[in-house]
Amino acid sequence: MAFAEEASDDGSLTGRGKPLLRGFVCGLMTTAGGIDHTLPYLIPNFRTATAIAVVIVAIELLLISWIRKRFMDTPFLRAAFQVIVSRAKAVAAIVHLGRRGQRAAACPF
């Protein structure tokens, strides 16, 4: 993602600043977003780790909603609805594909 952001344009077209800095920030935030809700799984107890991860994801969703309100002039409830529904659709797709994969693994044909 960072490379794509950095290579997308030189900043003059969109006015978004220096490409190397954009790429660095994008890569840093992608890493932070991926690590913060997976680190709890270093805890040996699965239920405890999942509970902590759920709380972290809820905080992330609220933060994304606030950012949309603050910088994109979207009403908070609308932003929260958009963020939560989009994440729920992603989770539903992952669950569906995971169940499909389990069935496929059980049957060799």
PDB file of N, CA and C in Angstrom:
ATOM      1  N   MET A   1       0.820  -1.193   0.000  1.00  0.00           N
ATOM      2  CA  MET A   1       0.000   0.000   0.000  1.00  0.00           C
ATOM      3  C   MET A   1       0.863   1.256   0.000  1.00  0.00           C
ATOM      4  N   ALA A   2       1.911   1.222   0.783  1.00  0.00           N
ATOM      5  CA  ALA A   2       2.767   2.402   0.855  1.00  0.00           C
ATOM      6  C   ALA A   2       3.407   2.687  -0.493  1.00  0.00           C
ATOM      7  N   PHE A   3       3.868   1.644  -1.168  1.00  0.00           N
ATOM      8  CA  PHE A   3       4.491   1.850  -2.478  1.00  0.00           C
ATOM      9  C   PHE A   3       3.475   2.389  -3.478  1.00  0.00           C
ATOM     10  N   ALA A   4       2.257   1.859  -3.460  1.00  0.00           N
ATOM     11  CA  ALA A   4       1.218   2.337  -4.380  1.00  0.00           C
ATOM     12  C   ALA A   4       0.891   3.800  -4.106  1.00  0.00           C
ATOM     13  N   GLU A   5       0.826   4.166  -2.850  1.00  0.00           N
ATOM     14  CA  GLU A   5       0.540   5.564  -2.496  1.00  0.00           C
ATOM     15  C   GLU A   5       1.675   6.466  -2.939  1.00  0.00           C
ATOM     16  N   GLU A   6       2.878   6.006  -2.718  1.00  0.00           N
ATOM     17  CA  GLU A   6       4.041   6.812  -3.066  1.00  0.00           C
ATOM     18  C   GLU A   6       4.169   6.955  -4.584  1.00  0.00           C
ATOM     19  N   ALA A   7       3.812   5.915  -5.312  1.00  0.00           N
ATOM     20  CA  ALA A   7       3.967   5.932  -6.765  1.00  0.00           C
ATOM     21  C   ALA A   7       2.755   6.506  -7.488  1.00  0.00           C
ATOM     22  N   SER A   8       1.664   6.794  -6.767  1.00  0.00           N
ATOM     23  CA  SER A   8       0.425   7.194  -7.427  1.00  0.00           C
ATOM     24  C   SER A   8       0.544   8.525  -8.163  1.00  0.00           C
ATOM     25  N   ASP A   9       1.190   9.505  -7.583  1.00  0.00           N
ATOM     26  CA  ASP A   9       1.447  10.772  -8.269  1.00  0.00           C
ATOM     27  C   ASP A   9       2.507  11.542  -7.499  1.00  0.00           C
ATOM     28  N   ASP A  10       2.972  12.626  -8.099  1.00  0.00           N
ATOM     29  CA  ASP A  10       4.049  13.384  -7.448  1.00  0.00           C
ATOM     30  C   ASP A  10       3.540  14.451  -6.487  1.00  0.00           C
ATOM     31  N   GLY A  11       2.242  14.489  -6.263  1.00  0.00           N
ATOM     32  CA  GLY A  11       1.658  15.463  -5.345  1.00  0.00           C
ATOM     33  C   GLY A  11       1.153  16.709  -6.037  1.00  0.00           C
ATOM     34  N   SER A  12       1.651  16.999  -7.223  1.00  0.00           N
ATOM     35  CA  SER A  12       1.204  18.207  -7.918  1.00  0.00           C
ATOM     36  C   SER A  12      -0.195  18.030  -8.491  1.00  0.00           C
ATOM     37  N   LEU A  13      -0.543  16.821  -8.857  1.00  0.00           N
ATOM     38  CA  LEU A  13      -1.854  16.557  -9.436  1.00  0.00           C
ATOM     39  C   LEU A  13      -2.958  16.677  -8.393  1.00  0.00           C
ATOM     40  N   THR A  14      -2.763  16.054  -7.239  1.00  0.00           N
ATOM     41  CA  THR A  14      -3.799  16.043  -6.204  1.00  0.00           C
ATOM     42  C   THR A  14      -3.548  17.039  -5.091  1.00  0.00           C
ATOM     43  N   GLY A  15      -2.346  17.590  -5.012  1.00  0.00           N
ATOM     44  CA  GLY A  15      -2.026  18.518  -3.936  1.00  0.00           C
ATOM     45  C   GLY A  15      -1.887  17.841  -2.594  1.00  0.00           C
ATOM     46  N   ARG A  16      -1.524  16.576  -2.591  1.00  0.00           N
ATOM     47  CA  ARG A  16      -1.453  15.820  -1.342  1.00  0.00           C
ATOM     48  C   ARG A  16      -0.064  15.749  -0.751  1.00  0.00           C
ATOM     49  N   GLY A  17       0.861  16.510  -1.234  1.00  0.00           N
ATOM     50  CA  GLY A  17       2.181  16.540  -0.621  1.00  0.00           C
ATOM     51  C   GLY A  17       3.191  15.637  -1.299  1.00  0.00           C
ATOM     52  N   LYS A  18       4.316  15.496  -0.640  1.00  0.00           N
ATOM     53  CA  LYS A  18       5.437  14.744  -1.193  1.00  0.00           C
ATOM     54  C   LYS A  18       5.126  13.246  -1.221  1.00  0.00           C
ATOM     55  N   PRO A  19       5.423  12.581  -2.345  1.00  0.00           N
ATOM     56  CA  PRO A  19       5.077  11.170  -2.465  1.00  0.00           C
ATOM     57  C   PRO A  19       5.803  10.266  -1.468  1.00  0.00           C
ATOM     58  N   LEU A  20       7.068  10.521  -1.195  1.00  0.00           N
ATOM     59  CA  LEU A  20       7.800   9.672  -0.269  1.00  0.00           C
ATOM     60  C   LEU A  20       7.220   9.765   1.142  1.00  0.00           C
ATOM     61  N   LEU A  21       6.871  10.967   1.558  1.00  0.00           N
ATOM     62  CA  LEU A  21       6.267  11.151   2.873  1.00  0.00           C
ATOM     63  C   LEU A  21       4.895  10.482   2.935  1.00  0.00           C
ATOM     64  N   ARG A  22       4.081  10.637   1.879  1.00  0.00           N
ATOM     65  CA  ARG A  22       2.771   9.979   1.845  1.00  0.00           C
ATOM     66  C   ARG A  22       2.933   8.472   1.918  1.00  0.00           C
ATOM     67  N   GLY A  23       3.884   7.929   1.180  1.00  0.00           N
ATOM     68  CA  GLY A  23       4.121   6.494   1.199  1.00  0.00           C
ATOM     69  C   GLY A  23       4.557   6.010   2.572  1.00  0.00           C
ATOM     70  N   PHE A  24       5.433   6.776   3.216  1.00  0.00           N
ATOM     71  CA  PHE A  24       5.904   6.406   4.550  1.00  0.00           C
ATOM     72  C   PHE A  24       4.746   6.413   5.547  1.00  0.00           C
ATOM     73  N   VAL A  25       3.950   7.466   5.528  1.00  0.00           N
ATOM     74  CA  VAL A  25       2.832   7.577   6.462  1.00  0.00           C
ATOM     75  C   VAL A  25       1.807   6.473   6.201  1.00  0.00           C
ATOM     76  N   CYS A  26       1.515   6.211   4.934  1.00  0.00           N
ATOM     77  CA  CYS A  26       0.555   5.166   4.585  1.00  0.00           C
ATOM     78  C   CYS A  26       1.052   3.800   5.060  1.00  0.00           C
ATOM     79  N   GLY A  27       2.312   3.505   4.834  1.00  0.00           N
ATOM     80  CA  GLY A  27       2.874   2.230   5.293  1.00  0.00           C
ATOM     81  C   GLY A  27       2.890   2.110   6.799  1.00  0.00           C
ATOM     82  N   LEU A  28       3.233   3.188   7.477  1.00  0.00           N
ATOM     83  CA  LEU A  28       3.259   3.197   8.934  1.00  0.00           C
ATOM     84  C   LEU A  28       1.863   2.961   9.511  1.00  0.00           C
ATOM     85  N   MET A  29       0.880   3.647   8.970  1.00  0.00           N
ATOM     86  CA  MET A  29      -0.490   3.507   9.474  1.00  0.00           C
ATOM     87  C   MET A  29      -1.081   2.139   9.134  1.00  0.00           C
ATOM     88  N   THR A  30      -0.727   1.585   7.983  1.00  0.00           N
ATOM     89  CA  THR A  30      -1.187   0.239   7.639  1.00  0.00           C
ATOM     90  C   THR A  30      -0.607  -0.775   8.618  1.00  0.00           C
ATOM     91  N   THR A  31       0.663  -0.624   8.944  1.00  0.00           N
ATOM     92  CA  THR A  31       1.300  -1.511   9.911  1.00  0.00           C
ATOM     93  C   THR A  31       0.655  -1.365  11.285  1.00  0.00           C
ATOM     94  N   ALA A  32       0.462  -0.135  11.723  1.00  0.00           N
ATOM     95  CA  ALA A  32      -0.156   0.098  13.033  1.00  0.00           C
ATOM     96  C   ALA A  32      -1.572  -0.465  13.075  1.00  0.00           C
ATOM     97  N   GLY A  33      -2.323  -0.279  11.995  1.00  0.00           N
ATOM     98  CA  GLY A  33      -3.687  -0.790  11.949  1.00  0.00           C
ATOM     99  C   GLY A  33      -3.758  -2.306  11.950  1.00  0.00           C
ATOM    100  N   GLY A  34      -2.759  -2.949  11.401  1.00  0.00           N
ATOM    101  CA  GLY A  34      -2.757  -4.406  11.382  1.00  0.00           C
ATOM    102  C   GLY A  34      -2.247  -5.027  12.663  1.00  0.00           C
ATOM    103  N   ILE A  35      -1.338  -4.349  13.312  1.00  0.00           N
ATOM    104  CA  ILE A  35      -0.710  -4.922  14.504  1.00  0.00           C
ATOM    105  C   ILE A  35      -1.570  -4.759  15.753  1.00  0.00           C
ATOM    106  N   ASP A  36      -2.206  -3.612  15.904  1.00  0.00           N
ATOM    107  CA  ASP A  36      -2.855  -3.331  17.190  1.00  0.00           C
ATOM    108  C   ASP A  36      -3.971  -4.293  17.550  1.00  0.00           C
ATOM    109  N   HIS A  37      -4.700  -4.818  16.583  1.00  0.00           N
ATOM    110  CA  HIS A  37      -5.743  -5.766  16.968  1.00  0.00           C
ATOM    111  C   HIS A  37      -5.340  -7.231  16.784  1.00  0.00           C
ATOM    112  N   THR A  38      -4.093  -7.479  16.402  1.00  0.00           N
ATOM    113  CA  THR A  38      -3.607  -8.861  16.359  1.00  0.00           C
ATOM    114  C   THR A  38      -2.675  -9.189  17.526  1.00  0.00           C
ATOM    115  N   LEU A  39      -2.066  -8.183  18.107  1.00  0.00           N
ATOM    116  CA  LEU A  39      -1.165  -8.414  19.248  1.00  0.00           C
ATOM    117  C   LEU A  39      -1.825  -9.124  20.434  1.00  0.00           C
ATOM    118  N   PRO A  40      -3.117  -8.869  20.722  1.00  0.00           N
ATOM    119  CA  PRO A  40      -3.715  -9.588  21.861  1.00  0.00           C
ATOM    120  C   PRO A  40      -3.637 -11.111  21.728  1.00  0.00           C
ATOM    121  N   TYR A  41      -3.489 -11.617  20.514  1.00  0.00           N
ATOM    122  CA  TYR A  41      -3.440 -13.072  20.336  1.00  0.00           C
ATOM    123  C   TYR A  41      -2.110 -13.680  20.774  1.00  0.00           C
ATOM    124  N   LEU A  42      -1.221 -12.857  21.281  1.00  0.00           N
ATOM    125  CA  LEU A  42      -0.036 -13.384  21.950  1.00  0.00           C
ATOM    126  C   LEU A  42      -0.393 -13.884  23.349  1.00  0.00           C
ATOM    127  N   ILE A  43      -1.566 -13.497  23.842  1.00  0.00           N
ATOM    128  CA  ILE A  43      -2.069 -13.982  25.127  1.00  0.00           C
ATOM    129  C   ILE A  43      -2.511 -15.439  24.928  1.00  0.00           C
ATOM    130  N   PRO A  44      -2.097 -16.339  25.793  1.00  0.00           N
ATOM    131  CA  PRO A  44      -2.417 -17.763  25.600  1.00  0.00           C
ATOM    132  C   PRO A  44      -3.920 -18.088  25.642  1.00  0.00           C
ATOM    133  N   ASN A  45      -4.694 -17.348  26.409  1.00  0.00           N
ATOM    134  CA  ASN A  45      -6.127 -17.623  26.519  1.00  0.00           C
ATOM    135  C   ASN A  45      -6.859 -16.981  25.333  1.00  0.00           C
ATOM    136  N   PHE A  46      -7.457 -17.827  24.489  1.00  0.00           N
ATOM    137  CA  PHE A  46      -8.108 -17.358  23.266  1.00  0.00           C
ATOM    138  C   PHE A  46      -9.272 -16.408  23.553  1.00  0.00           C
ATOM    139  N   ARG A  47     -10.094 -16.739  24.531  1.00  0.00           N
ATOM    140  CA  ARG A  47     -11.272 -15.897  24.836  1.00  0.00           C
ATOM    141  C   ARG A  47     -10.850 -14.512  25.335  1.00  0.00           C
ATOM    142  N   THR A  48      -9.856 -14.469  26.178  1.00  0.00           N
ATOM    143  CA  THR A  48      -9.352 -13.184  26.675  1.00  0.00           C
ATOM    144  C   THR A  48      -8.767 -12.360  25.535  1.00  0.00           C
ATOM    145  N   ALA A  49      -7.971 -13.000  24.692  1.00  0.00           N
ATOM    146  CA  ALA A  49      -7.366 -12.302  23.553  1.00  0.00           C
ATOM    147  C   ALA A  49      -8.434 -11.765  22.612  1.00  0.00           C
ATOM    148  N   THR A  50      -9.466 -12.566  22.353  1.00  0.00           N
ATOM    149  CA  THR A  50     -10.537 -12.129  21.461  1.00  0.00           C
ATOM    150  C   THR A  50     -11.307 -10.962  22.062  1.00  0.00           C
ATOM    151  N   ALA A  51     -11.574 -11.009  23.364  1.00  0.00           N
ATOM    152  CA  ALA A  51     -12.285  -9.912  24.022  1.00  0.00           C
ATOM    153  C   ALA A  51     -11.487  -8.614  23.921  1.00  0.00           C
ATOM    154  N   ILE A  52     -10.200  -8.697  24.141  1.00  0.00           N
ATOM    155  CA  ILE A  52      -9.346  -7.503  24.034  1.00  0.00           C
ATOM    156  C   ILE A  52      -9.311  -6.998  22.596  1.00  0.00           C
ATOM    157  N   ALA A  53      -9.207  -7.922  21.638  1.00  0.00           N
ATOM    158  CA  ALA A  53      -9.186  -7.533  20.228  1.00  0.00           C
ATOM    159  C   ALA A  53     -10.494  -6.853  19.816  1.00  0.00           C
ATOM    160  N   VAL A  54     -11.616  -7.343  20.311  1.00  0.00           N
ATOM    161  CA  VAL A  54     -12.919  -6.739  19.994  1.00  0.00           C
ATOM    162  C   VAL A  54     -12.978  -5.304  20.527  1.00  0.00           C
ATOM    163  N   VAL A  55     -12.504  -5.095  21.740  1.00  0.00           N
ATOM    164  CA  VAL A  55     -12.486  -3.741  22.315  1.00  0.00           C
ATOM    165  C   VAL A  55     -11.591  -2.816  21.473  1.00  0.00           C
ATOM    166  N   ILE A  56     -10.439  -3.310  21.077  1.00  0.00           N
ATOM    167  CA  ILE A  56      -9.525  -2.496  20.263  1.00  0.00           C
ATOM    168  C   ILE A  56     -10.162  -2.143  18.920  1.00  0.00           C
ATOM    169  N   VAL A  57     -10.808  -3.114  18.281  1.00  0.00           N
ATOM    170  CA  VAL A  57     -11.464  -2.845  16.989  1.00  0.00           C
ATOM    171  C   VAL A  57     -12.596  -1.834  17.172  1.00  0.00           C
ATOM    172  N   ALA A  58     -13.362  -1.942  18.254  1.00  0.00           N
ATOM    173  CA  ALA A  58     -14.430  -0.978  18.509  1.00  0.00           C
ATOM    174  C   ALA A  58     -13.864   0.438  18.655  1.00  0.00           C
ATOM    175  N   ILE A  59     -12.758   0.551  19.359  1.00  0.00           N
ATOM    176  CA  ILE A  59     -12.107   1.860  19.503  1.00  0.00           C
ATOM    177  C   ILE A  59     -11.630   2.366  18.141  1.00  0.00           C
ATOM    178  N   GLU A  60     -11.061   1.476  17.339  1.00  0.00           N
ATOM    179  CA  GLU A  60     -10.611   1.866  15.997  1.00  0.00           C
ATOM    180  C   GLU A  60     -11.767   2.388  15.156  1.00  0.00           C
ATOM    181  N   LEU A  61     -12.913   1.706  15.206  1.00  0.00           N
ATOM    182  CA  LEU A  61     -14.067   2.124  14.410  1.00  0.00           C
ATOM    183  C   LEU A  61     -14.584   3.492  14.859  1.00  0.00           C
ATOM    184  N   LEU A  62     -14.596   3.703  16.168  1.00  0.00           N
ATOM    185  CA  LEU A  62     -15.011   5.019  16.669  1.00  0.00           C
ATOM    186  C   LEU A  62     -14.022   6.109  16.251  1.00  0.00           C
ATOM    187  N   LEU A  63     -12.740   5.787  16.280  1.00  0.00           N
ATOM    188  CA  LEU A  63     -11.721   6.746  15.869  1.00  0.00           C
ATOM    189  C   LEU A  63     -11.845   7.078  14.375  1.00  0.00           C
ATOM    190  N   ILE A  64     -12.068   6.068  13.550  1.00  0.00           N
ATOM    191  CA  ILE A  64     -12.256   6.318  12.122  1.00  0.00           C
ATOM    192  C   ILE A  64     -13.486   7.186  11.894  1.00  0.00           C
ATOM    193  N   SER A  65     -14.552   6.922  12.629  1.00  0.00           N
ATOM    194  CA  SER A  65     -15.767   7.739  12.511  1.00  0.00           C
ATOM    195  C   SER A  65     -15.494   9.181  12.911  1.00  0.00           C
ATOM    196  N   TRP A  66     -14.750   9.374  13.986  1.00  0.00           N
ATOM    197  CA  TRP A  66     -14.414  10.729  14.419  1.00  0.00           C
ATOM    198  C   TRP A  66     -13.566  11.439  13.364  1.00  0.00           C
ATOM    199  N   ILE A  67     -12.602  10.728  12.782  1.00  0.00           N
ATOM    200  CA  ILE A  67     -11.752  11.321  11.740  1.00  0.00           C
ATOM    201  C   ILE A  67     -12.596  11.746  10.548  1.00  0.00           C
ATOM    202  N   ARG A  68     -13.554  10.904  10.160  1.00  0.00           N
ATOM    203  CA  ARG A  68     -14.445  11.278   9.048  1.00  0.00           C
ATOM    204  C   ARG A  68     -15.275  12.505   9.399  1.00  0.00           C
ATOM    205  N   LYS A  69     -15.723  12.576  10.652  1.00  0.00           N
ATOM    206  CA  LYS A  69     -16.494  13.753  11.080  1.00  0.00           C
ATOM    207  C   LYS A  69     -15.617  14.992  11.070  1.00  0.00           C
ATOM    208  N   ARG A  70     -14.442  14.875  11.620  1.00  0.00           N
ATOM    209  CA  ARG A  70     -13.562  16.033  11.793  1.00  0.00           C
ATOM    210  C   ARG A  70     -12.984  16.557  10.480  1.00  0.00           C
ATOM    211  N   PHE A  71     -12.519  15.649   9.636  1.00  0.00           N
ATOM    212  CA  PHE A  71     -11.790  16.090   8.453  1.00  0.00           C
ATOM    213  C   PHE A  71     -12.577  15.960   7.151  1.00  0.00           C
ATOM    214  N   MET A  72     -13.679  15.218   7.165  1.00  0.00           N
ATOM    215  CA  MET A  72     -14.444  15.027   5.935  1.00  0.00           C
ATOM    216  C   MET A  72     -15.858  15.593   6.038  1.00  0.00           C
ATOM    217  N   ASP A  73     -16.147  16.279   7.135  1.00  0.00           N
ATOM    218  CA  ASP A  73     -17.447  16.914   7.353  1.00  0.00           C
ATOM    219  C   ASP A  73     -18.628  15.962   7.218  1.00  0.00           C
ATOM    220  N   THR A  74     -18.438  14.724   7.664  1.00  0.00           N
ATOM    221  CA  THR A  74     -19.517  13.741   7.676  1.00  0.00           C
ATOM    222  C   THR A  74     -20.108  13.724   9.077  1.00  0.00           C
ATOM    223  N   PRO A  75     -21.442  13.774   9.200  1.00  0.00           N
ATOM    224  CA  PRO A  75     -22.026  13.665  10.547  1.00  0.00           C
ATOM    225  C   PRO A  75     -21.566  12.370  11.231  1.00  0.00           C
ATOM    226  N   PHE A  76     -21.307  12.464  12.537  1.00  0.00           N
ATOM    227  CA  PHE A  76     -20.698  11.337  13.251  1.00  0.00           C
ATOM    228  C   PHE A  76     -21.511  10.058  13.118  1.00  0.00           C
ATOM    229  N   LEU A  77     -22.826  10.119  13.316  1.00  0.00           N
ATOM    230  CA  LEU A  77     -23.633   8.900  13.249  1.00  0.00           C
ATOM    231  C   LEU A  77     -23.620   8.292  11.845  1.00  0.00           C
ATOM    232  N   ARG A  78     -23.629   9.129  10.824  1.00  0.00           N
ATOM    233  CA  ARG A  78     -23.553   8.623   9.457  1.00  0.00           C
ATOM    234  C   ARG A  78     -22.195   7.962   9.209  1.00  0.00           C
ATOM    235  N   ALA A  79     -21.136   8.617   9.680  1.00  0.00           N
ATOM    236  CA  ALA A  79     -19.791   8.049   9.519  1.00  0.00           C
ATOM    237  C   ALA A  79     -19.677   6.725  10.266  1.00  0.00           C
ATOM    238  N   ALA A  80     -20.200   6.677  11.497  1.00  0.00           N
ATOM    239  CA  ALA A  80     -20.149   5.439  12.277  1.00  0.00           C
ATOM    240  C   ALA A  80     -20.930   4.335  11.577  1.00  0.00           C
ATOM    241  N   PHE A  81     -22.094   4.663  11.046  1.00  0.00           N
ATOM    242  CA  PHE A  81     -22.893   3.673  10.330  1.00  0.00           C
ATOM    243  C   PHE A  81     -22.129   3.141   9.118  1.00  0.00           C
ATOM    244  N   GLN A  82     -21.542   4.039   8.335  1.00  0.00           N
ATOM    245  CA  GLN A  82     -20.793   3.624   7.149  1.00  0.00           C
ATOM    246  C   GLN A  82     -19.621   2.724   7.526  1.00  0.00           C
ATOM    247  N   VAL A  83     -18.889   3.110   8.549  1.00  0.00           N
ATOM    248  CA  VAL A  83     -17.706   2.356   8.964  1.00  0.00           C
ATOM    249  C   VAL A  83     -18.109   0.988   9.501  1.00  0.00           C
ATOM    250  N   ILE A  84     -19.107   0.949  10.350  1.00  0.00           N
ATOM    251  CA  ILE A  84     -19.523  -0.310  10.975  1.00  0.00           C
ATOM    252  C   ILE A  84     -20.123  -1.254   9.942  1.00  0.00           C
ATOM    253  N   VAL A  85     -20.968  -0.735   9.052  1.00  0.00           N
ATOM    254  CA  VAL A  85     -21.573  -1.598   8.032  1.00  0.00           C
ATOM    255  C   VAL A  85     -20.509  -2.144   7.084  1.00  0.00           C
ATOM    256  N   SER A  86     -19.558  -1.314   6.689  1.00  0.00           N
ATOM    257  CA  SER A  86     -18.517  -1.800   5.781  1.00  0.00           C
ATOM    258  C   SER A  86     -17.670  -2.877   6.450  1.00  0.00           C
ATOM    259  N   ARG A  87     -17.359  -2.724   7.732  1.00  0.00           N
ATOM    260  CA  ARG A  87     -16.573  -3.740   8.436  1.00  0.00           C
ATOM    261  C   ARG A  87     -17.397  -5.002   8.652  1.00  0.00           C
ATOM    262  N   ALA A  88     -18.695  -4.848   8.910  1.00  0.00           N
ATOM    263  CA  ALA A  88     -19.563  -6.020   9.090  1.00  0.00           C
ATOM    264  C   ALA A  88     -19.656  -6.825   7.795  1.00  0.00           C
ATOM    265  N   LYS A  89     -19.725  -6.142   6.662  1.00  0.00           N
ATOM    266  CA  LYS A  89     -19.757  -6.847   5.381  1.00  0.00           C
ATOM    267  C   LYS A  89     -18.445  -7.594   5.149  1.00  0.00           C
ATOM    268  N   ALA A  90     -17.336  -6.993   5.517  1.00  0.00           N
ATOM    269  CA  ALA A  90     -16.045  -7.662   5.362  1.00  0.00           C
ATOM    270  C   ALA A  90     -15.969  -8.902   6.254  1.00  0.00           C
ATOM    271  N   VAL A  91     -16.426  -8.797   7.488  1.00  0.00           N
ATOM    272  CA  VAL A  91     -16.414  -9.936   8.403  1.00  0.00           C
ATOM    273  C   VAL A  91     -17.321 -11.049   7.870  1.00  0.00           C
ATOM    274  N   ALA A  92     -18.499 -10.676   7.368  1.00  0.00           N
ATOM    275  CA  ALA A  92     -19.416 -11.680   6.815  1.00  0.00           C
ATOM    276  C   ALA A  92     -18.780 -12.416   5.638  1.00  0.00           C
ATOM    277  N   ALA A  93     -18.085 -11.694   4.787  1.00  0.00           N
ATOM    278  CA  ALA A  93     -17.417 -12.329   3.649  1.00  0.00           C
ATOM    279  C   ALA A  93     -16.313 -13.269   4.122  1.00  0.00           C
ATOM    280  N   ILE A  94     -15.556 -12.854   5.130  1.00  0.00           N
ATOM    281  CA  ILE A  94     -14.480 -13.695   5.656  1.00  0.00           C
ATOM    282  C   ILE A  94     -15.046 -14.966   6.284  1.00  0.00           C
ATOM    283  N   VAL A  95     -16.120 -14.822   7.044  1.00  0.00           N
ATOM    284  CA  VAL A  95     -16.748 -15.991   7.669  1.00  0.00           C
ATOM    285  C   VAL A  95     -17.276 -16.937   6.593  1.00  0.00           C
ATOM    286  N   HIS A  96     -17.928 -16.382   5.594  1.00  0.00           N
ATOM    287  CA  HIS A  96     -18.466 -17.202   4.503  1.00  0.00           C
ATOM    288  C   HIS A  96     -17.354 -17.962   3.790  1.00  0.00           C
ATOM    289  N   LEU A  97     -16.294 -17.276   3.443  1.00  0.00           N
ATOM    290  CA  LEU A  97     -15.185 -17.930   2.749  1.00  0.00           C
ATOM    291  C   LEU A  97     -14.498 -18.958   3.645  1.00  0.00           C
ATOM    292  N   GLY A  98     -14.400 -18.664   4.925  1.00  0.00           N
ATOM    293  CA  GLY A  98     -13.803 -19.619   5.856  1.00  0.00           C
ATOM    294  C   GLY A  98     -14.611 -20.894   5.967  1.00  0.00           C
ATOM    295  N   ARG A  99     -15.929 -20.761   6.020  1.00  0.00           N
ATOM    296  CA  ARG A  99     -16.788 -21.952   6.087  1.00  0.00           C
ATOM    297  C   ARG A  99     -16.720 -22.741   4.789  1.00  0.00           C
ATOM    298  N   ARG A 100     -16.660 -22.034   3.686  1.00  0.00           N
ATOM    299  CA  ARG A 100     -16.533 -22.709   2.392  1.00  0.00           C
ATOM    300  C   ARG A 100     -15.229 -23.489   2.316  1.00  0.00           C
ATOM    301  N   GLY A 101     -14.167 -22.892   2.828  1.00  0.00           N
ATOM    302  CA  GLY A 101     -12.867 -23.556   2.831  1.00  0.00           C
ATOM    303  C   GLY A 101     -12.854 -24.800   3.702  1.00  0.00           C
ATOM    304  N   GLN A 102     -13.561 -24.767   4.823  1.00  0.00           N
ATOM    305  CA  GLN A 102     -13.637 -25.939   5.697  1.00  0.00           C
ATOM    306  C   GLN A 102     -14.353 -27.081   5.007  1.00  0.00           C
ATOM    307  N   ARG A 103     -15.439 -26.758   4.301  1.00  0.00           N
ATOM    308  CA  ARG A 103     -16.174 -27.809   3.576  1.00  0.00           C
ATOM    309  C   ARG A 103     -15.320 -28.382   2.466  1.00  0.00           C
ATOM    310  N   ALA A 104     -14.583 -27.515   1.759  1.00  0.00           N
ATOM    311  CA  ALA A 104     -13.741 -27.986   0.654  1.00  0.00           C
ATOM    312  C   ALA A 104     -12.615 -28.863   1.173  1.00  0.00           C
ATOM    313  N   ALA A 105     -12.080 -28.538   2.337  1.00  0.00           N
ATOM    314  CA  ALA A 105     -10.993 -29.339   2.897  1.00  0.00           C
ATOM    315  C   ALA A 105     -11.478 -30.704   3.350  1.00  0.00           C
ATOM    316  N   ALA A 106     -12.748 -30.801   3.733  1.00  0.00           N
ATOM    317  CA  ALA A 106     -13.292 -32.065   4.220  1.00  0.00           C
ATOM    318  C   ALA A 106     -13.546 -33.030   3.058  1.00  0.00           C
ATOM    319  N   CYS A 107     -13.776 -32.517   1.880  1.00  0.00           N
ATOM    320  CA  CYS A 107     -14.094 -33.357   0.727  1.00  0.00           C
ATOM    321  C   CYS A 107     -12.935 -33.287  -0.275  1.00  0.00           C
ATOM    322  N   PRO A 108     -12.303 -34.410  -0.580  1.00  0.00           N
ATOM    323  CA  PRO A 108     -11.167 -34.380  -1.498  1.00  0.00           C
ATOM    324  C   PRO A 108     -11.553 -34.146  -2.950  1.00  0.00           C
ATOM    325  N   PHE A 109     -12.844 -34.210  -3.280  1.00  0.00           N
ATOM    326  CA  PHE A 109     -13.259 -34.033  -4.691  1.00  0.00           C
ATOM    327  C   PHE A 109     -13.967 -32.732  -4.875  1.00  0.00           C
TER     328      PHE A 109
END
